[in-house]
Protein backbone atom coordinates (compact mmCIF):
# COMPACT_ATOMS: atom_id res chain seq x y z
CA MET A 1 0.03 0.11 -0.06
CA SER A 2 0.77 3.67 -0.31
CA LYS A 3 1.45 6.44 2.41
CA SER A 4 -2.17 7.15 1.88
CA GLY A 5 -3.45 3.74 2.75
CA SER A 6 -4.74 2.96 -0.77
CA PRO A 7 -3.33 0.26 -3.24
CA VAL A 8 -0.70 1.23 -5.60
CA ALA A 9 -1.77 0.58 -9.18
CA VAL A 10 0.97 -1.10 -11.05
CA ALA A 11 1.32 -1.47 -14.93
CA ASP A 12 -0.40 -4.09 -16.66
CA ARG A 13 1.00 -7.36 -15.60
CA ASN A 14 0.10 -9.14 -18.88
CA ALA A 15 1.11 -6.51 -21.22
CA ALA A 16 4.73 -6.70 -23.07
CA ALA A 17 4.84 -3.05 -23.74
CA CYS A 18 2.35 -0.45 -22.69
CA CYS A 19 3.39 2.29 -24.65
CA ALA A 20 5.68 3.76 -27.20
CA PRO A 21 8.94 5.28 -26.17
CA LEU A 22 8.76 8.76 -24.38
CA ALA A 23 10.42 10.28 -27.27
CA GLN A 24 7.80 9.13 -29.96
CA SER A 25 4.78 9.94 -28.06
CA ARG A 26 2.86 10.48 -24.52
CA ILE A 27 2.12 7.95 -21.97
CA PRO A 28 -1.67 7.05 -22.19
CA LYS A 29 -3.07 8.49 -18.92
CA GLU A 30 -4.38 5.04 -17.80
CA ALA A 31 -0.60 3.84 -17.71
CA VAL A 32 1.03 6.78 -15.82
CA SER A 33 0.25 5.91 -12.41
CA GLY A 34 1.78 2.32 -12.33
CA LEU A 35 4.60 3.42 -14.38
CA SER A 36 5.48 6.06 -12.08
CA GLN A 37 5.32 3.76 -9.01
CA ALA A 38 7.75 1.67 -10.39
CA PHE A 39 10.09 4.37 -11.43
CA LYS A 40 9.65 5.82 -8.11
CA ALA A 41 10.41 2.48 -6.21
CA LEU A 42 13.63 2.79 -8.30
CA GLY A 43 14.57 6.19 -7.58
CA ASP A 44 15.62 5.18 -4.08
CA PRO A 45 19.41 3.49 -3.75
CA ILE A 46 18.85 1.00 -1.41
CA ARG A 47 15.79 -0.43 -3.61
CA LEU A 48 17.95 0.14 -6.88
CA GLN A 49 20.64 -2.15 -5.31
CA LEU A 50 18.07 -4.45 -3.83
CA MET A 51 16.73 -4.67 -7.59
CA SER A 52 19.84 -5.04 -9.34
CA MET A 53 20.94 -7.94 -6.92
CA ILE A 54 17.13 -9.51 -7.22
CA ALA A 55 17.20 -9.14 -11.19
CA SER A 56 20.58 -10.32 -11.38
CA ALA A 57 20.68 -13.47 -9.27
CA ASP A 58 21.59 -17.14 -10.29
CA GLY A 59 18.63 -19.01 -11.16
CA GLY A 60 16.22 -16.04 -11.30
CA GLU A 61 15.49 -15.59 -7.66
CA ILE A 62 17.17 -14.63 -4.20
CA CYS A 63 16.49 -15.27 -0.60
CA VAL A 64 15.95 -12.54 1.72
CA CYS A 65 18.72 -14.34 3.91
CA ASP A 66 21.14 -13.20 1.03
CA LEU A 67 20.22 -9.67 0.40
CA THR A 68 20.43 -8.65 4.24
CA PRO A 69 23.92 -9.13 4.81
CA ALA A 70 24.84 -7.03 1.76
CA PHE A 71 23.63 -3.83 3.58
CA GLU A 72 24.49 -1.93 6.77
CA ILE A 73 20.94 -1.35 7.56
CA SER A 74 18.29 -3.52 9.63
CA GLY A 75 16.41 -6.15 8.61
CA THR A 76 13.38 -4.38 9.17
CA THR A 77 14.32 -1.49 6.63
CA ILE A 78 15.20 -4.16 3.86
CA SER A 79 11.74 -5.57 4.47
CA HIS A 80 10.20 -2.06 3.99
CA HIS A 81 12.12 -1.44 0.55
CA LEU A 82 11.49 -5.15 -0.46
CA LYS A 83 7.60 -4.25 0.04
CA VAL A 84 8.00 -1.01 -1.91
CA LEU A 85 9.51 -2.98 -4.68
CA LYS A 86 6.76 -5.75 -4.37
CA GLU A 87 3.80 -3.21 -4.22
CA SER A 88 5.12 -1.25 -7.23
CA GLY A 89 5.20 -4.86 -9.15
CA LEU A 90 9.00 -4.94 -9.98
CA VAL A 91 9.31 -8.23 -8.01
CA THR A 92 7.16 -11.22 -6.62
CA ALA A 93 7.83 -12.81 -3.51
CA GLU A 94 7.12 -16.34 -2.53
CA ARG A 95 7.51 -17.60 1.14
CA ARG A 96 8.99 -20.93 1.68
CA ALA A 97 9.29 -22.09 5.16
CA SER A 98 10.67 -19.09 6.93
CA TRP A 99 12.38 -17.35 4.34
CA VAL A 100 10.90 -15.05 1.35
CA TYR A 101 12.32 -15.57 -2.21
CA TYR A 102 12.13 -12.50 -4.72
CA ARG A 103 12.05 -12.62 -8.23
CA ALA A 104 12.16 -9.70 -10.56
CA ARG A 105 9.41 -9.13 -12.84
CA PRO A 106 11.02 -8.91 -16.46
CA ASP A 107 7.69 -8.04 -18.14
CA LEU A 108 7.62 -4.52 -16.33
CA MET A 109 11.38 -4.26 -16.40
CA ARG A 110 10.99 -4.19 -20.21
CA GLN A 111 7.81 -1.81 -20.19
CA LEU A 112 10.37 0.67 -18.30
CA SER A 113 13.26 0.33 -20.63
CA ALA A 114 11.15 0.50 -23.56
CA LEU A 115 9.81 3.90 -22.46
CA LEU A 116 13.23 5.16 -21.90
CA ASP A 117 14.71 4.20 -25.17
CA PRO A 118 15.26 7.19 -27.93
CA ASP A 119 16.00 4.75 -30.51
CA ALA A 120 13.03 2.42 -30.76
């Protein structure tokens, strides 16, 4: 949930690409909210580093137990940042016993990348 307490809208989870690149046309009004939440989530240095670790993990997933030691902040703070990434639609999470495993959502990463491609 966002700070206002309402659910965060995410980009269409089934769409390969929602929009033409920014250099070609405007983003449709319906897509702006979800896409901006994903970009906002990546705007934090900790979340950007977490996203990089998750997206580049061997086997396509990583345990929270492997993420936490990479930072000099509390586990609670790491959990908050992971929650923001999940709510923005950038990652999925699966609990297995006492650990949570995270996977990047390549479809949304492609959408964000396509928006910024000036040569597309």
